[in-house]
Amino acid sequence: MKKRNQILYLAIALILFIVMDRNLWMEDRAKRLFLWESGTGLGDPISYDYDFKIHGSEITFEKEKDSLDWPEIAENRKHKFYFVGCYFGNLYMYDKTRKKMVLYIEK
């Protein structure tokens, strides 16, 4: 019974840490310059405040790319994106339209 309680306390502490990290520090880690690695191309490089904003769990792209020079990127930025996280210098997003993960790495 004692071992079970320890595991339960550890699981609760881990969940609390993940929730606190997501709400307090995650957005600060995303305020960097990122280069495209895989998934939907959204421009290269992208940066917080200049290209995108995080609103809760949604990522919205503020500035539109020129549709004449970059038609595919301009179209991709209109998709809906879910902010998965920013861990170890990697920015993870989920493209809800294409149902694919997007990975950007810190420059």
N, C-alpha and C. Protein backbone atom coordinates (compact mmCIF):
# COMPACT_ATOMS: atom_id res chain seq x y z
N MET A 1 0.83 -1.19 0.00
CA MET A 1 0.00 0.00 0.00
C MET A 1 0.87 1.26 0.00
N LYS A 2 2.00 1.21 0.73
CA LYS A 2 2.88 2.36 0.81
C LYS A 2 3.48 2.68 -0.57
N LYS A 3 3.87 1.66 -1.30
CA LYS A 3 4.44 1.83 -2.64
C LYS A 3 3.41 2.43 -3.59
N ARG A 4 2.17 2.02 -3.46
CA ARG A 4 1.09 2.53 -4.31
C ARG A 4 0.85 4.02 -4.04
N ASN A 5 0.89 4.43 -2.78
CA ASN A 5 0.73 5.84 -2.43
C ASN A 5 1.88 6.68 -2.97
N GLN A 6 3.09 6.14 -2.91
CA GLN A 6 4.24 6.86 -3.45
C GLN A 6 4.09 7.08 -4.96
N ILE A 7 3.66 6.07 -5.66
CA ILE A 7 3.46 6.18 -7.10
C ILE A 7 2.36 7.19 -7.41
N LEU A 8 1.30 7.17 -6.62
CA LEU A 8 0.20 8.12 -6.81
C LEU A 8 0.68 9.56 -6.58
N TYR A 9 1.45 9.81 -5.51
CA TYR A 9 1.98 11.14 -5.24
C TYR A 9 2.93 11.60 -6.35
N LEU A 10 3.75 10.69 -6.83
CA LEU A 10 4.67 11.01 -7.91
C LEU A 10 3.91 11.37 -9.19
N ALA A 11 2.87 10.63 -9.51
CA ALA A 11 2.07 10.91 -10.70
C ALA A 11 1.37 12.26 -10.59
N ILE A 12 0.83 12.57 -9.43
CA ILE A 12 0.18 13.86 -9.21
C ILE A 12 1.19 15.00 -9.33
N ALA A 13 2.38 14.82 -8.74
CA ALA A 13 3.42 15.85 -8.82
C ALA A 13 3.87 16.06 -10.27
N LEU A 14 3.99 14.99 -11.03
CA LEU A 14 4.38 15.09 -12.43
C LEU A 14 3.33 15.82 -13.25
N ILE A 15 2.08 15.52 -13.04
CA ILE A 15 0.99 16.18 -13.76
C ILE A 15 0.95 17.66 -13.41
N LEU A 16 1.12 18.00 -12.13
CA LEU A 16 1.15 19.40 -11.71
C LEU A 16 2.33 20.14 -12.33
N PHE A 17 3.48 19.49 -12.39
CA PHE A 17 4.64 20.12 -13.02
C PHE A 17 4.41 20.38 -14.50
N ILE A 18 3.82 19.44 -15.21
CA ILE A 18 3.55 19.60 -16.64
C ILE A 18 2.57 20.75 -16.87
N VAL A 19 1.53 20.83 -16.05
CA VAL A 19 0.54 21.91 -16.19
C VAL A 19 1.18 23.26 -15.88
N MET A 20 1.99 23.33 -14.82
CA MET A 20 2.67 24.59 -14.47
C MET A 20 3.64 24.99 -15.57
N ASP A 21 4.39 24.04 -16.09
CA ASP A 21 5.34 24.32 -17.16
C ASP A 21 4.63 24.87 -18.38
N ARG A 22 3.54 24.25 -18.74
CA ARG A 22 2.78 24.68 -19.93
C ARG A 22 2.25 26.10 -19.76
N ASN A 23 1.76 26.43 -18.58
CA ASN A 23 1.13 27.73 -18.36
C ASN A 23 2.12 28.84 -17.99
N LEU A 24 3.25 28.51 -17.39
CA LEU A 24 4.17 29.54 -16.92
C LEU A 24 5.40 29.75 -17.80
N TRP A 25 6.02 28.70 -18.26
CA TRP A 25 7.32 28.83 -18.90
C TRP A 25 7.36 28.46 -20.38
N MET A 26 6.38 27.72 -20.86
CA MET A 26 6.43 27.21 -22.24
C MET A 26 6.46 28.34 -23.26
N GLU A 27 5.62 29.33 -23.10
CA GLU A 27 5.56 30.42 -24.08
C GLU A 27 6.88 31.20 -24.11
N ASP A 28 7.54 31.35 -22.97
CA ASP A 28 8.84 32.03 -22.94
C ASP A 28 9.89 31.27 -23.73
N ARG A 29 9.85 29.96 -23.68
CA ARG A 29 10.80 29.16 -24.45
C ARG A 29 10.54 29.26 -25.94
N ALA A 30 9.31 29.59 -26.34
CA ALA A 30 8.98 29.70 -27.76
C ALA A 30 9.36 31.06 -28.34
N LYS A 31 9.82 31.98 -27.52
CA LYS A 31 10.18 33.32 -28.00
C LYS A 31 11.60 33.34 -28.52
N ARG A 32 11.81 32.59 -29.59
CA ARG A 32 13.13 32.47 -30.22
C ARG A 32 12.97 32.41 -31.72
N LEU A 33 14.08 32.25 -32.40
CA LEU A 33 14.09 32.10 -33.85
C LEU A 33 14.20 30.61 -34.17
N PHE A 34 13.34 30.11 -35.06
CA PHE A 34 13.30 28.69 -35.38
C PHE A 34 13.46 28.46 -36.88
N LEU A 35 14.11 27.35 -37.21
CA LEU A 35 14.30 26.94 -38.60
C LEU A 35 13.48 25.69 -38.87
N TRP A 36 12.96 25.58 -40.09
CA TRP A 36 12.11 24.46 -40.46
C TRP A 36 12.90 23.17 -40.48
N GLU A 37 12.31 22.11 -39.91
CA GLU A 37 12.93 20.79 -39.90
C GLU A 37 12.08 19.78 -40.65
N SER A 38 10.77 19.70 -40.31
CA SER A 38 9.90 18.75 -41.00
C SER A 38 8.44 19.17 -40.84
N GLY A 39 7.60 18.61 -41.70
CA GLY A 39 6.17 18.90 -41.65
C GLY A 39 5.79 20.02 -42.60
N THR A 40 4.69 20.67 -42.32
CA THR A 40 4.17 21.74 -43.15
C THR A 40 5.12 22.94 -43.13
N GLY A 41 5.52 23.42 -44.30
CA GLY A 41 6.41 24.57 -44.38
C GLY A 41 5.65 25.87 -44.12
N LEU A 42 6.12 26.65 -43.17
CA LEU A 42 5.45 27.90 -42.78
C LEU A 42 6.36 29.10 -42.93
N GLY A 43 7.46 28.90 -43.61
CA GLY A 43 8.46 29.94 -43.76
C GLY A 43 9.71 29.54 -43.02
N ASP A 44 10.84 30.08 -43.44
CA ASP A 44 12.09 29.71 -42.82
C ASP A 44 13.00 30.92 -42.81
N PRO A 45 13.34 31.46 -41.71
CA PRO A 45 13.01 31.11 -40.33
C PRO A 45 11.69 31.75 -39.89
N ILE A 46 11.21 31.32 -38.75
CA ILE A 46 10.03 31.94 -38.13
C ILE A 46 10.40 32.35 -36.72
N SER A 47 9.74 33.36 -36.20
CA SER A 47 10.02 33.79 -34.84
C SER A 47 8.73 34.28 -34.18
N TYR A 48 8.72 34.15 -32.87
CA TYR A 48 7.59 34.60 -32.06
C TYR A 48 7.51 36.12 -32.17
N ASP A 49 6.32 36.65 -32.15
CA ASP A 49 5.99 38.07 -32.29
C ASP A 49 6.10 38.56 -33.73
N TYR A 50 7.08 38.11 -34.49
CA TYR A 50 7.18 38.57 -35.87
C TYR A 50 6.29 37.73 -36.78
N ASP A 51 6.33 36.41 -36.64
CA ASP A 51 5.56 35.53 -37.51
C ASP A 51 4.31 34.97 -36.85
N PHE A 52 4.42 34.52 -35.60
CA PHE A 52 3.30 33.84 -34.96
C PHE A 52 3.10 34.30 -33.54
N LYS A 53 1.90 34.02 -33.04
CA LYS A 53 1.53 34.28 -31.64
C LYS A 53 0.90 33.01 -31.09
N ILE A 54 1.03 32.83 -29.79
CA ILE A 54 0.42 31.68 -29.12
C ILE A 54 -0.73 32.21 -28.28
N HIS A 55 -1.91 31.68 -28.52
CA HIS A 55 -3.11 32.05 -27.76
C HIS A 55 -3.66 30.78 -27.12
N GLY A 56 -3.26 30.52 -25.88
CA GLY A 56 -3.67 29.29 -25.21
C GLY A 56 -2.97 28.11 -25.86
N SER A 57 -3.73 27.30 -26.57
CA SER A 57 -3.16 26.16 -27.27
C SER A 57 -3.16 26.34 -28.78
N GLU A 58 -3.58 27.49 -29.23
CA GLU A 58 -3.64 27.77 -30.67
C GLU A 58 -2.46 28.64 -31.09
N ILE A 59 -1.93 28.38 -32.27
CA ILE A 59 -0.91 29.22 -32.87
C ILE A 59 -1.54 29.92 -34.06
N THR A 60 -1.41 31.23 -34.09
CA THR A 60 -1.91 31.99 -35.24
C THR A 60 -0.75 32.73 -35.87
N PHE A 61 -0.74 32.77 -37.18
CA PHE A 61 0.29 33.49 -37.91
C PHE A 61 -0.22 34.88 -38.20
N GLU A 62 0.53 35.87 -37.72
CA GLU A 62 0.13 37.26 -37.80
C GLU A 62 0.39 37.86 -39.18
N LYS A 63 1.59 37.69 -39.67
CA LYS A 63 1.97 38.31 -40.93
C LYS A 63 1.83 37.30 -42.06
N GLU A 64 1.19 37.73 -43.11
CA GLU A 64 1.01 36.88 -44.29
C GLU A 64 2.26 36.98 -45.16
N LYS A 65 2.67 35.87 -45.72
CA LYS A 65 3.75 35.88 -46.69
C LYS A 65 3.19 36.30 -48.03
N ASP A 66 4.01 36.86 -48.85
CA ASP A 66 3.62 37.30 -50.18
C ASP A 66 3.17 36.09 -50.99
N SER A 67 1.92 36.10 -51.42
CA SER A 67 1.38 34.95 -52.14
C SER A 67 1.95 34.82 -53.55
N LEU A 68 2.56 35.86 -54.08
CA LEU A 68 3.19 35.75 -55.41
C LEU A 68 4.55 35.07 -55.31
N ASP A 69 5.34 35.41 -54.30
CA ASP A 69 6.66 34.82 -54.14
C ASP A 69 6.63 33.47 -53.45
N TRP A 70 5.74 33.32 -52.47
CA TRP A 70 5.65 32.09 -51.68
C TRP A 70 4.19 31.62 -51.60
N PRO A 71 3.62 31.15 -52.69
CA PRO A 71 2.19 30.80 -52.65
C PRO A 71 1.88 29.63 -51.71
N GLU A 72 2.74 28.62 -51.66
CA GLU A 72 2.49 27.46 -50.81
C GLU A 72 2.56 27.84 -49.33
N ILE A 73 3.56 28.64 -48.95
CA ILE A 73 3.70 29.06 -47.56
C ILE A 73 2.54 29.97 -47.15
N ALA A 74 2.13 30.86 -48.05
CA ALA A 74 1.00 31.75 -47.74
C ALA A 74 -0.27 30.93 -47.50
N GLU A 75 -0.46 29.88 -48.27
CA GLU A 75 -1.64 29.02 -48.09
C GLU A 75 -1.52 28.19 -46.81
N ASN A 76 -0.33 27.68 -46.52
CA ASN A 76 -0.13 26.88 -45.31
C ASN A 76 -0.39 27.68 -44.04
N ARG A 77 -0.07 28.96 -44.03
CA ARG A 77 -0.25 29.78 -42.84
C ARG A 77 -1.71 30.03 -42.52
N LYS A 78 -2.60 29.70 -43.43
CA LYS A 78 -4.03 29.85 -43.18
C LYS A 78 -4.61 28.65 -42.42
N HIS A 79 -3.84 27.57 -42.30
CA HIS A 79 -4.28 26.38 -41.59
C HIS A 79 -4.43 26.67 -40.10
N LYS A 80 -5.08 25.77 -39.40
CA LYS A 80 -5.22 25.85 -37.94
C LYS A 80 -4.09 25.02 -37.33
N PHE A 81 -3.42 25.60 -36.33
CA PHE A 81 -2.30 24.93 -35.68
C PHE A 81 -2.51 24.86 -34.18
N TYR A 82 -2.15 23.71 -33.62
CA TYR A 82 -2.20 23.48 -32.18
C TYR A 82 -0.76 23.53 -31.66
N PHE A 83 -0.55 24.29 -30.59
CA PHE A 83 0.77 24.40 -29.97
C PHE A 83 1.00 23.19 -29.07
N VAL A 84 1.85 22.28 -29.51
CA VAL A 84 2.14 21.07 -28.74
C VAL A 84 3.14 21.38 -27.63
N GLY A 85 4.21 22.10 -27.98
CA GLY A 85 5.18 22.44 -26.96
C GLY A 85 6.49 22.92 -27.54
N CYS A 86 7.35 23.33 -26.65
CA CYS A 86 8.68 23.78 -27.01
C CYS A 86 9.65 23.14 -26.02
N TYR A 87 10.30 22.07 -26.45
CA TYR A 87 11.16 21.30 -25.59
C TYR A 87 12.53 21.12 -26.22
N PHE A 88 13.60 21.34 -25.43
CA PHE A 88 14.97 21.10 -25.84
C PHE A 88 15.32 21.79 -27.16
N GLY A 89 14.85 23.02 -27.35
CA GLY A 89 15.16 23.79 -28.54
C GLY A 89 14.33 23.44 -29.76
N ASN A 90 13.32 22.63 -29.60
CA ASN A 90 12.44 22.25 -30.70
C ASN A 90 11.04 22.82 -30.47
N LEU A 91 10.45 23.37 -31.51
CA LEU A 91 9.09 23.88 -31.46
C LEU A 91 8.19 22.88 -32.17
N TYR A 92 7.21 22.34 -31.45
CA TYR A 92 6.30 21.34 -32.00
C TYR A 92 4.92 21.95 -32.18
N MET A 93 4.37 21.77 -33.38
CA MET A 93 3.02 22.23 -33.69
C MET A 93 2.30 21.08 -34.39
N TYR A 94 0.99 21.08 -34.25
CA TYR A 94 0.17 20.09 -34.94
C TYR A 94 -0.71 20.82 -35.95
N ASP A 95 -0.56 20.49 -37.21
CA ASP A 95 -1.37 21.07 -38.28
C ASP A 95 -2.69 20.34 -38.30
N LYS A 96 -3.75 21.00 -37.82
CA LYS A 96 -5.07 20.37 -37.74
C LYS A 96 -5.67 20.10 -39.11
N THR A 97 -5.32 20.91 -40.10
CA THR A 97 -5.86 20.74 -41.44
C THR A 97 -5.30 19.50 -42.11
N ARG A 98 -3.99 19.34 -42.07
CA ARG A 98 -3.33 18.18 -42.71
C ARG A 98 -3.16 17.00 -41.77
N LYS A 99 -3.42 17.23 -40.48
CA LYS A 99 -3.26 16.19 -39.46
C LYS A 99 -1.82 15.64 -39.44
N LYS A 100 -0.86 16.59 -39.38
CA LYS A 100 0.56 16.23 -39.33
C LYS A 100 1.27 17.10 -38.30
N MET A 101 2.34 16.54 -37.74
CA MET A 101 3.19 17.30 -36.83
C MET A 101 4.14 18.17 -37.64
N VAL A 102 4.41 19.35 -37.10
CA VAL A 102 5.35 20.29 -37.70
C VAL A 102 6.47 20.50 -36.68
N LEU A 103 7.70 20.40 -37.15
CA LEU A 103 8.85 20.55 -36.25
C LEU A 103 9.75 21.66 -36.76
N TYR A 104 10.05 22.59 -35.87
CA TYR A 104 11.02 23.66 -36.11
C TYR A 104 12.08 23.56 -35.03
N ILE A 105 13.35 23.77 -35.42
CA ILE A 105 14.45 23.70 -34.46
C ILE A 105 15.00 25.09 -34.20
N GLU A 106 15.50 25.30 -33.00
CA GLU A 106 16.04 26.60 -32.61
C GLU A 106 17.31 26.89 -33.40
N LYS A 107 17.43 28.13 -33.84
CA LYS A 107 18.62 28.52 -34.59
C LYS A 107 19.71 28.89 -33.62
